Amino acid sequence: MAAAYAATKRLLIAETLDKQTLAGGAPTAFADLLTPSARTQFLSGLNVRGAYRTGQSRSSRSYVESFAPGTAELIGSVIKVKASMSAQTYRQSGMLVLAIKVSDLATYPIERPGDPSTWMRVVADVYGFFSFAHWDNHSGPLQPWNQTIVANSGAQCPMTDGWVHPDYPSLQAVPAPGQDGGNPYTPISTAPSALPTAVATSGSACTVDSGST
């Protein structure tokens, strides 16, 4: 159990806080923590374009928080995070699976490169499960399978390339009186109370709410 919690923490850090990934670089930190089969799937899908019928991007780049190249610079070195984890078990095809349920909010202060007047905040909301079982190696340690979704407040939507495109103030419509976008630090979604019944692929969803500016 302790090892699963520690592995989940490392995965969340790689998913939302790795500076190379955030800047649009290779998401190596996240890929290195996946099982061999999941890593192959993740890396081969990074440049896939288009969306599923659900609206989620087909690109596995959407599994991590990664700003489209040239669209954003982090302001300072502080990324505020609020996260929680809990553990449950379920059976899949007769195999016992340990599911670590996560709820993780990360807030990024950003600006257009070279334009401090455009500063804003983007909030990433990670929710779902990291499921641990003997996925690739039946005699080794438990291995994680990513079943989380990353949703963003303060990002343009819909986008089908897997990247996060900030919705800068100059791109936003003026809100109607009394419609200020709400609190960007409220989780966009919550992890489902039901445990997963199958190994699912991950994806991301963005929100049309631009209240994080």
N, C-alpha and C. Protein backbone atom coordinates (compact mmCIF):
# COMPACT_ATOMS: atom_id res chain seq x y z
N MET A 1 0.83 -1.19 0.00
CA MET A 1 0.00 0.00 0.00
C MET A 1 0.88 1.26 0.00
N ALA A 2 1.88 1.27 0.87
CA ALA A 2 2.77 2.43 0.95
C ALA A 2 3.49 2.64 -0.38
N ALA A 3 3.90 1.55 -1.02
CA ALA A 3 4.60 1.66 -2.30
C ALA A 3 3.68 2.21 -3.38
N ALA A 4 2.40 1.82 -3.36
CA ALA A 4 1.43 2.31 -4.34
C ALA A 4 1.18 3.80 -4.15
N TYR A 5 1.07 4.24 -2.89
CA TYR A 5 0.90 5.67 -2.63
C TYR A 5 2.12 6.46 -3.13
N ALA A 6 3.30 5.95 -2.86
CA ALA A 6 4.53 6.63 -3.29
C ALA A 6 4.62 6.69 -4.81
N ALA A 7 4.26 5.59 -5.47
CA ALA A 7 4.29 5.56 -6.93
C ALA A 7 3.27 6.52 -7.51
N THR A 8 2.09 6.60 -6.88
CA THR A 8 1.06 7.52 -7.35
C THR A 8 1.52 8.97 -7.23
N LYS A 9 2.18 9.29 -6.13
CA LYS A 9 2.70 10.65 -5.96
C LYS A 9 3.71 10.99 -7.06
N ARG A 10 4.60 10.04 -7.37
CA ARG A 10 5.58 10.28 -8.43
C ARG A 10 4.88 10.47 -9.78
N LEU A 11 3.84 9.71 -10.04
CA LEU A 11 3.10 9.83 -11.29
C LEU A 11 2.41 11.18 -11.40
N LEU A 12 1.80 11.63 -10.30
CA LEU A 12 1.12 12.92 -10.32
C LEU A 12 2.11 14.06 -10.53
N ILE A 13 3.28 13.95 -9.91
CA ILE A 13 4.31 14.98 -10.10
C ILE A 13 4.76 15.01 -11.56
N ALA A 14 4.98 13.84 -12.14
CA ALA A 14 5.40 13.77 -13.54
C ALA A 14 4.29 14.24 -14.48
N GLU A 15 3.05 14.00 -14.09
CA GLU A 15 1.91 14.35 -14.93
C GLU A 15 1.64 15.85 -14.95
N THR A 16 1.89 16.53 -13.82
CA THR A 16 1.45 17.92 -13.71
C THR A 16 2.53 18.92 -13.34
N LEU A 17 3.71 18.48 -12.88
CA LEU A 17 4.70 19.42 -12.36
C LEU A 17 6.05 19.34 -13.05
N ASP A 18 6.27 18.38 -13.92
CA ASP A 18 7.56 18.26 -14.58
C ASP A 18 7.78 19.45 -15.52
N LYS A 19 8.84 20.22 -15.28
CA LYS A 19 9.07 21.47 -16.02
C LYS A 19 9.27 21.21 -17.51
N GLN A 20 9.96 20.15 -17.87
CA GLN A 20 10.18 19.85 -19.28
C GLN A 20 8.86 19.56 -20.00
N THR A 21 8.01 18.79 -19.34
CA THR A 21 6.71 18.45 -19.93
C THR A 21 5.83 19.69 -20.02
N LEU A 22 5.79 20.49 -18.95
CA LEU A 22 4.97 21.70 -18.96
C LEU A 22 5.37 22.64 -20.10
N ALA A 23 6.66 22.70 -20.40
CA ALA A 23 7.17 23.60 -21.44
C ALA A 23 6.98 23.04 -22.85
N GLY A 24 6.34 21.88 -22.96
CA GLY A 24 6.10 21.30 -24.28
C GLY A 24 7.17 20.34 -24.74
N GLY A 25 8.09 19.97 -23.83
CA GLY A 25 9.14 19.03 -24.19
C GLY A 25 8.67 17.59 -24.10
N ALA A 26 9.59 16.69 -24.31
CA ALA A 26 9.27 15.26 -24.26
C ALA A 26 8.83 14.88 -22.84
N PRO A 27 7.66 14.22 -22.69
CA PRO A 27 7.16 13.84 -21.36
C PRO A 27 7.85 12.60 -20.82
N THR A 28 9.17 12.63 -20.80
CA THR A 28 9.96 11.47 -20.41
C THR A 28 9.70 11.06 -18.97
N ALA A 29 9.55 12.04 -18.07
CA ALA A 29 9.37 11.73 -16.65
C ALA A 29 8.15 10.86 -16.43
N PHE A 30 7.07 11.16 -17.14
CA PHE A 30 5.85 10.37 -17.00
C PHE A 30 5.99 9.01 -17.67
N ALA A 31 6.55 9.00 -18.88
CA ALA A 31 6.70 7.75 -19.62
C ALA A 31 7.54 6.73 -18.85
N ASP A 32 8.58 7.21 -18.18
CA ASP A 32 9.48 6.30 -17.49
C ASP A 32 8.83 5.58 -16.31
N LEU A 33 7.69 6.09 -15.83
CA LEU A 33 7.02 5.48 -14.68
C LEU A 33 5.95 4.48 -15.08
N LEU A 34 5.67 4.36 -16.37
CA LEU A 34 4.61 3.49 -16.85
C LEU A 34 5.12 2.07 -17.06
N THR A 35 4.18 1.13 -17.14
CA THR A 35 4.55 -0.23 -17.50
C THR A 35 5.06 -0.24 -18.94
N PRO A 36 5.82 -1.26 -19.34
CA PRO A 36 6.32 -1.29 -20.72
C PRO A 36 5.22 -1.17 -21.78
N SER A 37 4.11 -1.87 -21.59
CA SER A 37 3.04 -1.80 -22.60
C SER A 37 2.37 -0.44 -22.60
N ALA A 38 2.13 0.13 -21.41
CA ALA A 38 1.51 1.45 -21.34
C ALA A 38 2.46 2.52 -21.88
N ARG A 39 3.76 2.35 -21.64
CA ARG A 39 4.74 3.32 -22.15
C ARG A 39 4.75 3.33 -23.67
N THR A 40 4.70 2.14 -24.26
CA THR A 40 4.67 2.06 -25.72
C THR A 40 3.43 2.74 -26.28
N GLN A 41 2.29 2.50 -25.66
CA GLN A 41 1.03 3.11 -26.09
C GLN A 41 1.10 4.63 -25.94
N PHE A 42 1.64 5.08 -24.82
CA PHE A 42 1.72 6.52 -24.55
C PHE A 42 2.62 7.23 -25.56
N LEU A 43 3.81 6.70 -25.77
CA LEU A 43 4.78 7.35 -26.66
C LEU A 43 4.34 7.31 -28.12
N SER A 44 3.69 6.23 -28.52
CA SER A 44 3.27 6.12 -29.92
C SER A 44 2.08 7.02 -30.23
N GLY A 45 1.36 7.49 -29.20
CA GLY A 45 0.18 8.30 -29.44
C GLY A 45 0.37 9.79 -29.25
N LEU A 46 1.61 10.22 -28.99
CA LEU A 46 1.84 11.63 -28.67
C LEU A 46 1.46 12.57 -29.80
N ASN A 47 1.66 12.15 -31.05
CA ASN A 47 1.41 13.03 -32.19
C ASN A 47 0.12 12.71 -32.94
N VAL A 48 -0.72 11.88 -32.35
CA VAL A 48 -2.01 11.57 -32.97
C VAL A 48 -2.92 12.78 -32.89
N ARG A 49 -3.65 13.07 -33.95
CA ARG A 49 -4.55 14.21 -33.96
C ARG A 49 -6.00 13.74 -33.99
N GLY A 50 -6.92 14.67 -33.72
CA GLY A 50 -8.34 14.36 -33.77
C GLY A 50 -8.91 14.05 -32.40
N ALA A 51 -10.20 13.77 -32.35
CA ALA A 51 -10.90 13.53 -31.08
C ALA A 51 -11.81 12.32 -31.18
N TYR A 52 -12.07 11.71 -30.03
CA TYR A 52 -13.08 10.66 -29.95
C TYR A 52 -14.47 11.28 -29.97
N ARG A 53 -15.48 10.45 -30.09
CA ARG A 53 -16.85 10.96 -30.11
C ARG A 53 -17.24 11.66 -28.81
N THR A 54 -16.52 11.34 -27.74
CA THR A 54 -16.76 12.00 -26.45
C THR A 54 -16.19 13.42 -26.43
N GLY A 55 -15.41 13.78 -27.44
CA GLY A 55 -14.77 15.08 -27.47
C GLY A 55 -13.35 15.08 -26.94
N GLN A 56 -12.92 13.98 -26.33
CA GLN A 56 -11.58 13.89 -25.78
C GLN A 56 -10.56 13.73 -26.89
N SER A 57 -9.41 14.35 -26.72
CA SER A 57 -8.35 14.26 -27.71
C SER A 57 -7.84 12.83 -27.85
N ARG A 58 -7.52 12.44 -29.06
CA ARG A 58 -6.94 11.12 -29.30
C ARG A 58 -5.45 11.10 -28.96
N SER A 59 -4.84 12.26 -28.85
CA SER A 59 -3.41 12.33 -28.58
C SER A 59 -3.11 11.97 -27.13
N SER A 60 -2.13 11.12 -26.92
CA SER A 60 -1.75 10.77 -25.56
C SER A 60 -1.01 11.92 -24.87
N ARG A 61 -0.66 12.97 -25.61
CA ARG A 61 -0.11 14.17 -24.98
C ARG A 61 -1.08 14.72 -23.94
N SER A 62 -2.37 14.47 -24.15
CA SER A 62 -3.39 14.97 -23.23
C SER A 62 -3.37 14.24 -21.89
N TYR A 63 -2.58 13.17 -21.76
CA TYR A 63 -2.48 12.48 -20.48
C TYR A 63 -1.73 13.32 -19.46
N VAL A 64 -0.92 14.28 -19.94
CA VAL A 64 -0.10 15.10 -19.07
C VAL A 64 -0.44 16.57 -19.31
N GLU A 65 -0.01 17.42 -18.38
CA GLU A 65 -0.22 18.86 -18.52
C GLU A 65 0.96 19.42 -19.32
N SER A 66 0.68 19.85 -20.55
CA SER A 66 1.75 20.27 -21.45
C SER A 66 1.26 21.43 -22.30
N PHE A 67 1.81 22.62 -22.07
CA PHE A 67 1.39 23.80 -22.82
C PHE A 67 1.92 23.73 -24.24
N ALA A 68 1.06 24.10 -25.19
CA ALA A 68 1.47 24.10 -26.59
C ALA A 68 2.73 24.95 -26.74
N PRO A 69 3.71 24.47 -27.49
CA PRO A 69 4.98 25.20 -27.63
C PRO A 69 4.76 26.65 -28.06
N GLY A 70 5.44 27.56 -27.35
CA GLY A 70 5.38 28.96 -27.69
C GLY A 70 4.17 29.71 -27.17
N THR A 71 3.31 29.04 -26.38
CA THR A 71 2.08 29.70 -25.92
C THR A 71 2.16 30.20 -24.49
N ALA A 72 3.09 29.71 -23.69
CA ALA A 72 3.06 30.07 -22.27
C ALA A 72 4.43 30.00 -21.63
N GLU A 73 4.64 30.90 -20.68
CA GLU A 73 5.81 30.85 -19.81
C GLU A 73 5.33 30.89 -18.37
N LEU A 74 5.90 30.02 -17.53
CA LEU A 74 5.56 30.06 -16.11
C LEU A 74 6.11 31.33 -15.48
N ILE A 75 5.33 31.93 -14.60
CA ILE A 75 5.75 33.12 -13.87
C ILE A 75 6.28 32.66 -12.51
N GLY A 76 7.55 32.89 -12.27
CA GLY A 76 8.12 32.46 -11.00
C GLY A 76 8.32 30.96 -10.96
N SER A 77 8.51 30.45 -9.76
CA SER A 77 8.81 29.02 -9.58
C SER A 77 7.78 28.30 -8.73
N VAL A 78 6.69 28.96 -8.37
CA VAL A 78 5.70 28.37 -7.47
C VAL A 78 4.48 27.89 -8.25
N ILE A 79 4.18 26.61 -8.14
CA ILE A 79 2.95 26.02 -8.66
C ILE A 79 2.19 25.48 -7.45
N LYS A 80 1.04 26.06 -7.15
CA LYS A 80 0.29 25.64 -5.98
C LYS A 80 -0.48 24.35 -6.28
N VAL A 81 -0.45 23.44 -5.31
CA VAL A 81 -1.06 22.11 -5.50
C VAL A 81 -1.91 21.77 -4.28
N LYS A 82 -3.06 21.18 -4.54
CA LYS A 82 -3.90 20.61 -3.49
C LYS A 82 -4.33 19.23 -3.95
N ALA A 83 -3.93 18.20 -3.21
CA ALA A 83 -4.16 16.84 -3.68
C ALA A 83 -4.56 15.92 -2.54
N SER A 84 -5.28 14.87 -2.90
CA SER A 84 -5.64 13.83 -1.92
C SER A 84 -5.64 12.48 -2.62
N MET A 85 -5.43 11.42 -1.84
CA MET A 85 -5.43 10.05 -2.35
C MET A 85 -6.16 9.14 -1.37
N SER A 86 -6.79 8.12 -1.90
CA SER A 86 -7.40 7.08 -1.07
C SER A 86 -7.33 5.76 -1.82
N ALA A 87 -7.40 4.65 -1.10
CA ALA A 87 -7.20 3.33 -1.71
C ALA A 87 -8.45 2.48 -1.63
N GLN A 88 -8.69 1.73 -2.68
CA GLN A 88 -9.76 0.75 -2.74
C GLN A 88 -9.27 -0.44 -3.56
N THR A 89 -9.99 -1.55 -3.49
CA THR A 89 -9.64 -2.72 -4.29
C THR A 89 -10.83 -3.17 -5.11
N TYR A 90 -10.55 -3.83 -6.22
CA TYR A 90 -11.60 -4.45 -7.02
C TYR A 90 -10.99 -5.62 -7.77
N ARG A 91 -11.83 -6.44 -8.36
CA ARG A 91 -11.34 -7.58 -9.13
C ARG A 91 -11.64 -7.39 -10.61
N GLN A 92 -10.66 -7.76 -11.42
CA GLN A 92 -10.82 -7.70 -12.86
C GLN A 92 -10.32 -9.01 -13.45
N SER A 93 -11.22 -9.74 -14.10
CA SER A 93 -10.88 -11.04 -14.68
C SER A 93 -10.23 -11.95 -13.64
N GLY A 94 -10.74 -11.90 -12.43
CA GLY A 94 -10.24 -12.73 -11.35
C GLY A 94 -8.99 -12.20 -10.67
N MET A 95 -8.45 -11.09 -11.15
CA MET A 95 -7.23 -10.53 -10.59
C MET A 95 -7.57 -9.40 -9.62
N LEU A 96 -6.92 -9.41 -8.46
CA LEU A 96 -7.13 -8.37 -7.48
C LEU A 96 -6.35 -7.12 -7.90
N VAL A 97 -7.04 -5.98 -7.92
CA VAL A 97 -6.44 -4.72 -8.34
C VAL A 97 -6.56 -3.71 -7.21
N LEU A 98 -5.47 -3.01 -6.95
CA LEU A 98 -5.47 -1.93 -5.96
C LEU A 98 -5.62 -0.61 -6.71
N ALA A 99 -6.70 0.12 -6.43
CA ALA A 99 -6.96 1.39 -7.10
C ALA A 99 -6.68 2.54 -6.13
N ILE A 100 -5.77 3.42 -6.53
CA ILE A 100 -5.49 4.63 -5.75
C ILE A 100 -6.28 5.76 -6.39
N LYS A 101 -7.32 6.20 -5.69
CA LYS A 101 -8.19 7.27 -6.18
C LYS A 101 -7.52 8.61 -5.90
N VAL A 102 -7.48 9.48 -6.92
CA VAL A 102 -6.78 10.75 -6.76
C VAL A 102 -7.69 11.93 -7.09
N SER A 103 -7.42 13.03 -6.42
CA SER A 103 -8.01 14.33 -6.73
C SER A 103 -6.89 15.34 -6.56
N ASP A 104 -6.48 15.99 -7.65
CA ASP A 104 -5.28 16.81 -7.63
C ASP A 104 -5.53 18.10 -8.40
N LEU A 105 -5.42 19.24 -7.73
CA LEU A 105 -5.55 20.54 -8.37
C LEU A 105 -4.17 21.20 -8.40
N ALA A 106 -3.74 21.65 -9.59
CA ALA A 106 -2.48 22.37 -9.73
C ALA A 106 -2.76 23.68 -10.44
N THR A 107 -2.22 24.77 -9.91
CA THR A 107 -2.48 26.11 -10.45
C THR A 107 -1.19 26.70 -11.01
N TYR A 108 -1.22 27.07 -12.30
CA TYR A 108 -0.04 27.57 -12.99
C TYR A 108 -0.19 29.06 -13.31
N PRO A 109 0.65 29.93 -12.73
CA PRO A 109 0.66 31.33 -13.14
C PRO A 109 1.49 31.45 -14.43
N ILE A 110 0.88 31.95 -15.49
CA ILE A 110 1.56 31.99 -16.79
C ILE A 110 1.34 33.34 -17.47
N GLU A 111 2.09 33.54 -18.53
CA GLU A 111 1.91 34.69 -19.40
C GLU A 111 2.34 34.30 -20.81
N ARG A 112 1.87 35.09 -21.80
CA ARG A 112 2.41 34.88 -23.14
C ARG A 112 3.91 35.16 -23.11
N PRO A 113 4.70 34.38 -23.84
CA PRO A 113 6.15 34.63 -23.85
C PRO A 113 6.46 36.08 -24.22
N GLY A 114 7.15 36.78 -23.33
CA GLY A 114 7.56 38.15 -23.58
C GLY A 114 6.48 39.20 -23.39
N ASP A 115 5.33 38.81 -22.84
CA ASP A 115 4.22 39.78 -22.68
C ASP A 115 3.62 39.65 -21.29
N PRO A 116 4.23 40.28 -20.27
CA PRO A 116 3.75 40.15 -18.89
C PRO A 116 2.33 40.66 -18.69
N SER A 117 1.84 41.53 -19.58
CA SER A 117 0.50 42.07 -19.40
C SER A 117 -0.59 41.02 -19.57
N THR A 118 -0.25 39.87 -20.11
CA THR A 118 -1.26 38.83 -20.38
C THR A 118 -1.34 37.80 -19.27
N TRP A 119 -0.71 38.05 -18.12
CA TRP A 119 -0.64 37.03 -17.07
C TRP A 119 -2.02 36.50 -16.70
N MET A 120 -2.07 35.24 -16.36
CA MET A 120 -3.31 34.58 -15.96
C MET A 120 -2.95 33.30 -15.23
N ARG A 121 -3.96 32.57 -14.81
CA ARG A 121 -3.76 31.27 -14.17
C ARG A 121 -4.51 30.20 -14.95
N VAL A 122 -3.86 29.07 -15.10
CA VAL A 122 -4.51 27.87 -15.63
C VAL A 122 -4.54 26.85 -14.50
N VAL A 123 -5.70 26.23 -14.30
CA VAL A 123 -5.86 25.23 -13.25
C VAL A 123 -6.07 23.86 -13.88
N ALA A 124 -5.23 22.90 -13.51
CA ALA A 124 -5.39 21.52 -13.95
C ALA A 124 -6.05 20.71 -12.85
N ASP A 125 -7.07 19.96 -13.22
CA ASP A 125 -7.81 19.12 -12.27
C ASP A 125 -7.63 17.67 -12.70
N VAL A 126 -6.84 16.92 -11.95
CA VAL A 126 -6.60 15.50 -12.25
C VAL A 126 -7.50 14.67 -11.35
N TYR A 127 -8.28 13.78 -11.94
CA TYR A 127 -9.15 12.94 -11.13
C TYR A 127 -9.27 11.57 -11.78
N GLY A 128 -9.58 10.57 -10.96
CA GLY A 128 -9.69 9.19 -11.44
C GLY A 128 -8.87 8.26 -10.59
N PHE A 129 -8.23 7.26 -11.23
CA PHE A 129 -7.52 6.22 -10.50
C PHE A 129 -6.18 5.92 -11.15
N PHE A 130 -5.23 5.50 -10.33
CA PHE A 130 -4.07 4.74 -10.79
C PHE A 130 -4.29 3.33 -10.25
N SER A 131 -4.44 2.38 -11.16
CA SER A 131 -4.75 1.01 -10.76
C SER A 131 -3.49 0.16 -10.77
N PHE A 132 -3.23 -0.53 -9.66
CA PHE A 132 -2.01 -1.31 -9.50
C PHE A 132 -2.34 -2.80 -9.51
N ALA A 133 -1.64 -3.54 -10.37
CA ALA A 133 -1.77 -4.99 -10.44
C ALA A 133 -0.55 -5.52 -11.19
N HIS A 134 -0.53 -6.82 -11.44
CA HIS A 134 0.56 -7.43 -12.20
C HIS A 134 0.20 -7.37 -13.68
N TRP A 135 0.20 -6.16 -14.25
CA TRP A 135 -0.27 -5.99 -15.63
C TRP A 135 0.67 -6.64 -16.63
N ASP A 136 1.97 -6.39 -16.53
CA ASP A 136 2.93 -6.92 -17.49
C ASP A 136 3.82 -8.01 -16.94
N ASN A 137 3.96 -8.07 -15.61
CA ASN A 137 4.86 -9.02 -14.98
C ASN A 137 4.13 -9.68 -13.82
N HIS A 138 3.77 -10.94 -13.99
CA HIS A 138 2.94 -11.62 -12.99
C HIS A 138 3.72 -12.07 -11.76
N SER A 139 5.03 -11.92 -11.79
CA SER A 139 5.82 -12.34 -10.63
C SER A 139 6.53 -11.18 -9.96
N GLY A 140 6.47 -10.00 -10.54
CA GLY A 140 7.16 -8.85 -9.99
C GLY A 140 6.27 -8.01 -9.11
N PRO A 141 6.68 -6.79 -8.83
CA PRO A 141 5.89 -5.88 -7.99
C PRO A 141 4.65 -5.38 -8.73
N LEU A 142 3.70 -4.83 -7.97
CA LEU A 142 2.52 -4.26 -8.59
C LEU A 142 2.91 -3.11 -9.50
N GLN A 143 2.21 -3.00 -10.63
CA GLN A 143 2.52 -1.97 -11.62
C GLN A 143 1.32 -1.05 -11.80
N PRO A 144 1.56 0.25 -12.04
CA PRO A 144 0.45 1.19 -12.19
C PRO A 144 -0.11 1.22 -13.60
N TRP A 145 -1.41 1.44 -13.71
CA TRP A 145 -2.05 1.72 -14.98
C TRP A 145 -2.84 3.02 -14.82
N ASN A 146 -2.57 3.96 -15.69
CA ASN A 146 -3.16 5.29 -15.56
C ASN A 146 -4.61 5.29 -16.02
N GLN A 147 -5.53 5.66 -15.11
CA GLN A 147 -6.94 5.80 -15.44
C GLN A 147 -7.44 7.15 -14.94
N THR A 148 -6.60 8.16 -15.14
CA THR A 148 -6.97 9.50 -14.73
C THR A 148 -7.36 10.35 -15.93
N ILE A 149 -8.05 11.43 -15.65
CA ILE A 149 -8.41 12.44 -16.65
C ILE A 149 -7.88 13.78 -16.17
N VAL A 150 -7.36 14.58 -17.09
CA VAL A 150 -6.89 15.92 -16.77
C VAL A 150 -7.83 16.93 -17.42
N ALA A 151 -8.49 17.74 -16.61
CA ALA A 151 -9.37 18.80 -17.12
C ALA A 151 -8.75 20.14 -16.77
N ASN A 152 -8.95 21.12 -17.63
CA ASN A 152 -8.32 22.42 -17.43
C ASN A 152 -9.33 23.55 -17.38
N SER A 153 -9.13 24.46 -16.43
CA SER A 153 -9.85 25.72 -16.40
C SER A 153 -8.87 26.81 -16.83
N GLY A 154 -9.32 27.68 -17.75
CA GLY A 154 -8.45 28.70 -18.28
C GLY A 154 -7.79 28.29 -19.57
N ALA A 155 -8.30 27.22 -20.21
CA ALA A 155 -7.75 26.75 -21.47
C ALA A 155 -8.80 26.84 -22.56
N GLN A 156 -8.35 27.01 -23.80
CA GLN A 156 -9.26 27.03 -24.92
C GLN A 156 -9.86 25.65 -25.13
N CYS A 157 -11.08 25.61 -25.56
CA CYS A 157 -11.77 24.35 -25.74
C CYS A 157 -12.77 24.49 -26.89
N PRO A 158 -12.94 23.48 -27.73
CA PRO A 158 -12.23 22.20 -27.68
C PRO A 158 -10.92 22.26 -28.46
N MET A 159 -9.95 21.48 -28.02
CA MET A 159 -8.70 21.31 -28.73
C MET A 159 -8.47 19.81 -28.92
N THR A 160 -8.01 19.44 -30.09
CA THR A 160 -7.89 18.01 -30.40
C THR A 160 -6.45 17.60 -30.67
N ASP A 161 -5.48 18.45 -30.27
CA ASP A 161 -4.08 18.10 -30.51
C ASP A 161 -3.38 17.61 -29.25
N GLY A 162 -4.09 17.58 -28.12
CA GLY A 162 -3.50 17.09 -26.88
C GLY A 162 -2.79 18.13 -26.05
N TRP A 163 -2.54 19.31 -26.62
CA TRP A 163 -1.83 20.37 -25.90
C TRP A 163 -2.80 21.25 -25.13
N VAL A 164 -2.28 21.93 -24.11
CA VAL A 164 -3.04 22.94 -23.38
C VAL A 164 -2.80 24.28 -24.06
N HIS A 165 -3.87 24.93 -24.52
CA HIS A 165 -3.79 26.24 -25.15
C HIS A 165 -4.45 27.25 -24.21
N PRO A 166 -3.66 28.09 -23.55
CA PRO A 166 -4.24 29.04 -22.60
C PRO A 166 -5.26 29.96 -23.26
N ASP A 167 -6.32 30.27 -22.52
CA ASP A 167 -7.37 31.18 -22.99
C ASP A 167 -7.06 32.57 -22.42
N TYR A 168 -6.12 33.25 -23.04
CA TYR A 168 -5.67 34.55 -22.53
C TYR A 168 -6.80 35.57 -22.57
N PRO A 169 -6.73 36.57 -21.70
CA PRO A 169 -7.81 37.57 -21.62
C PRO A 169 -8.19 38.17 -22.96
N SER A 170 -7.22 38.39 -23.85
CA SER A 170 -7.51 38.99 -25.14
C SER A 170 -8.33 38.07 -26.04
N LEU A 171 -8.38 36.77 -25.68
CA LEU A 171 -9.12 35.81 -26.48
C LEU A 171 -10.52 35.55 -25.93
N GLN A 172 -10.83 36.11 -24.78
CA GLN A 172 -12.07 35.78 -24.10
C GLN A 172 -13.16 36.79 -24.40
N ALA A 173 -14.38 36.29 -24.48
CA ALA A 173 -15.53 37.17 -24.63
C ALA A 173 -15.81 37.86 -23.29
N VAL A 174 -16.34 39.07 -23.33
CA VAL A 174 -16.69 39.78 -22.11
C VAL A 174 -17.87 39.07 -21.45
N PRO A 175 -17.77 38.65 -20.17
CA PRO A 175 -18.86 37.92 -19.53
C PRO A 175 -20.07 38.82 -19.30
N ALA A 176 -21.24 38.20 -19.30
CA ALA A 176 -22.45 38.94 -18.99
C ALA A 176 -22.44 39.35 -17.53
N PRO A 177 -23.16 40.41 -17.17
CA PRO A 177 -23.20 40.86 -15.78
C PRO A 177 -23.56 39.71 -14.84
N GLY A 178 -22.76 39.58 -13.78
CA GLY A 178 -23.03 38.52 -12.80
C GLY A 178 -22.43 37.19 -13.16
N GLN A 179 -21.81 37.07 -14.36
CA GLN A 179 -21.21 35.80 -14.77
C GLN A 179 -19.71 35.99 -14.83
N ASP A 180 -19.05 35.83 -13.68
CA ASP A 180 -17.61 36.11 -13.59
C ASP A 180 -16.76 34.88 -13.75
N GLY A 181 -17.38 33.74 -14.07
CA GLY A 181 -16.59 32.53 -14.30
C GLY A 181 -16.45 31.64 -13.10
N GLY A 182 -16.81 32.12 -11.91
CA GLY A 182 -16.77 31.25 -10.75
C GLY A 182 -15.38 31.13 -10.16
N ASN A 183 -15.23 30.20 -9.24
CA ASN A 183 -13.99 30.00 -8.53
C ASN A 183 -13.13 28.98 -9.27
N PRO A 184 -11.97 29.38 -9.80
CA PRO A 184 -11.15 28.44 -10.56
C PRO A 184 -10.52 27.36 -9.71
N TYR A 185 -10.52 27.52 -8.39
CA TYR A 185 -9.90 26.54 -7.51
C TYR A 185 -10.89 25.46 -7.06
N THR A 186 -12.13 25.53 -7.51
CA THR A 186 -13.09 24.47 -7.25
C THR A 186 -12.85 23.35 -8.25
N PRO A 187 -12.71 22.10 -7.80
CA PRO A 187 -12.49 21.02 -8.75
C PRO A 187 -13.53 21.02 -9.86
N ILE A 188 -13.06 20.89 -11.10
CA ILE A 188 -13.95 20.86 -12.25
C ILE A 188 -14.82 19.62 -12.21
N SER A 189 -14.20 18.51 -11.85
CA SER A 189 -14.90 17.24 -11.77
C SER A 189 -14.39 16.49 -10.55
N THR A 190 -15.14 15.52 -10.14
CA THR A 190 -14.69 14.69 -9.03
C THR A 190 -14.52 13.27 -9.51
N ALA A 191 -13.62 12.55 -8.87
CA ALA A 191 -13.41 11.16 -9.26
C ALA A 191 -14.68 10.36 -9.05
N PRO A 192 -15.03 9.49 -9.98
CA PRO A 192 -16.24 8.70 -9.83
C PRO A 192 -16.19 7.82 -8.59
N SER A 193 -17.32 7.66 -7.94
CA SER A 193 -17.34 6.85 -6.73
C SER A 193 -17.21 5.37 -7.05
N ALA A 194 -17.65 4.98 -8.25
CA ALA A 194 -17.57 3.58 -8.64
C ALA A 194 -16.16 3.26 -9.11
N LEU A 195 -15.69 2.07 -8.78
CA LEU A 195 -14.38 1.64 -9.23
C LEU A 195 -14.44 1.29 -10.71
N PRO A 196 -13.31 1.40 -11.42
CA PRO A 196 -13.29 1.01 -12.82
C PRO A 196 -13.53 -0.47 -12.97
N THR A 197 -14.16 -0.86 -14.05
CA THR A 197 -14.45 -2.28 -14.29
C THR A 197 -13.57 -2.84 -15.38
N ALA A 198 -12.79 -1.99 -16.04
CA ALA A 198 -11.88 -2.45 -17.08
C ALA A 198 -10.72 -1.48 -17.17
N VAL A 199 -9.63 -1.94 -17.73
CA VAL A 199 -8.50 -1.06 -17.93
C VAL A 199 -8.83 -0.11 -19.06
N ALA A 200 -8.94 1.17 -18.75
CA ALA A 200 -9.36 2.16 -19.73
C ALA A 200 -8.18 3.03 -20.13
N THR A 201 -8.27 3.62 -21.32
CA THR A 201 -7.27 4.57 -21.71
C THR A 201 -7.55 5.89 -21.04
N SER A 202 -6.53 6.71 -20.93
CA SER A 202 -6.68 8.02 -20.32
C SER A 202 -7.00 9.04 -21.38
N GLY A 203 -7.47 10.19 -20.95
CA GLY A 203 -7.72 11.27 -21.87
C GLY A 203 -7.81 12.56 -21.11
N SER A 204 -8.13 13.62 -21.78
CA SER A 204 -8.28 14.89 -21.08
C SER A 204 -9.52 15.58 -21.56
N ALA A 205 -10.07 16.39 -20.69
CA ALA A 205 -11.20 17.21 -21.04
C ALA A 205 -10.90 18.63 -20.60
N CYS A 206 -11.29 19.61 -21.40
CA CYS A 206 -11.10 20.98 -20.97
C CYS A 206 -12.48 21.56 -20.67
N THR A 207 -12.47 22.71 -20.05
CA THR A 207 -13.72 23.35 -19.69
C THR A 207 -13.81 24.70 -20.35
N VAL A 208 -15.02 25.08 -20.71
CA VAL A 208 -15.20 26.37 -21.37
C VAL A 208 -15.13 27.50 -20.36
N ASP A 209 -15.12 27.16 -19.07
CA ASP A 209 -15.01 28.17 -18.01
C ASP A 209 -13.63 28.82 -18.07
N SER A 210 -13.60 30.12 -18.23
CA SER A 210 -12.32 30.83 -18.28
C SER A 210 -12.15 31.68 -17.02
N GLY A 211 -12.74 31.23 -15.93
CA GLY A 211 -12.74 32.01 -14.70
C GLY A 211 -11.43 32.01 -13.96
N SER A 212 -10.40 31.38 -14.51
CA SER A 212 -9.13 31.30 -13.79
C SER A 212 -8.22 32.48 -14.09
N THR A 213 -8.67 33.40 -14.86
CA THR A 213 -7.80 34.55 -15.13
C THR A 213 -7.69 35.43 -13.89
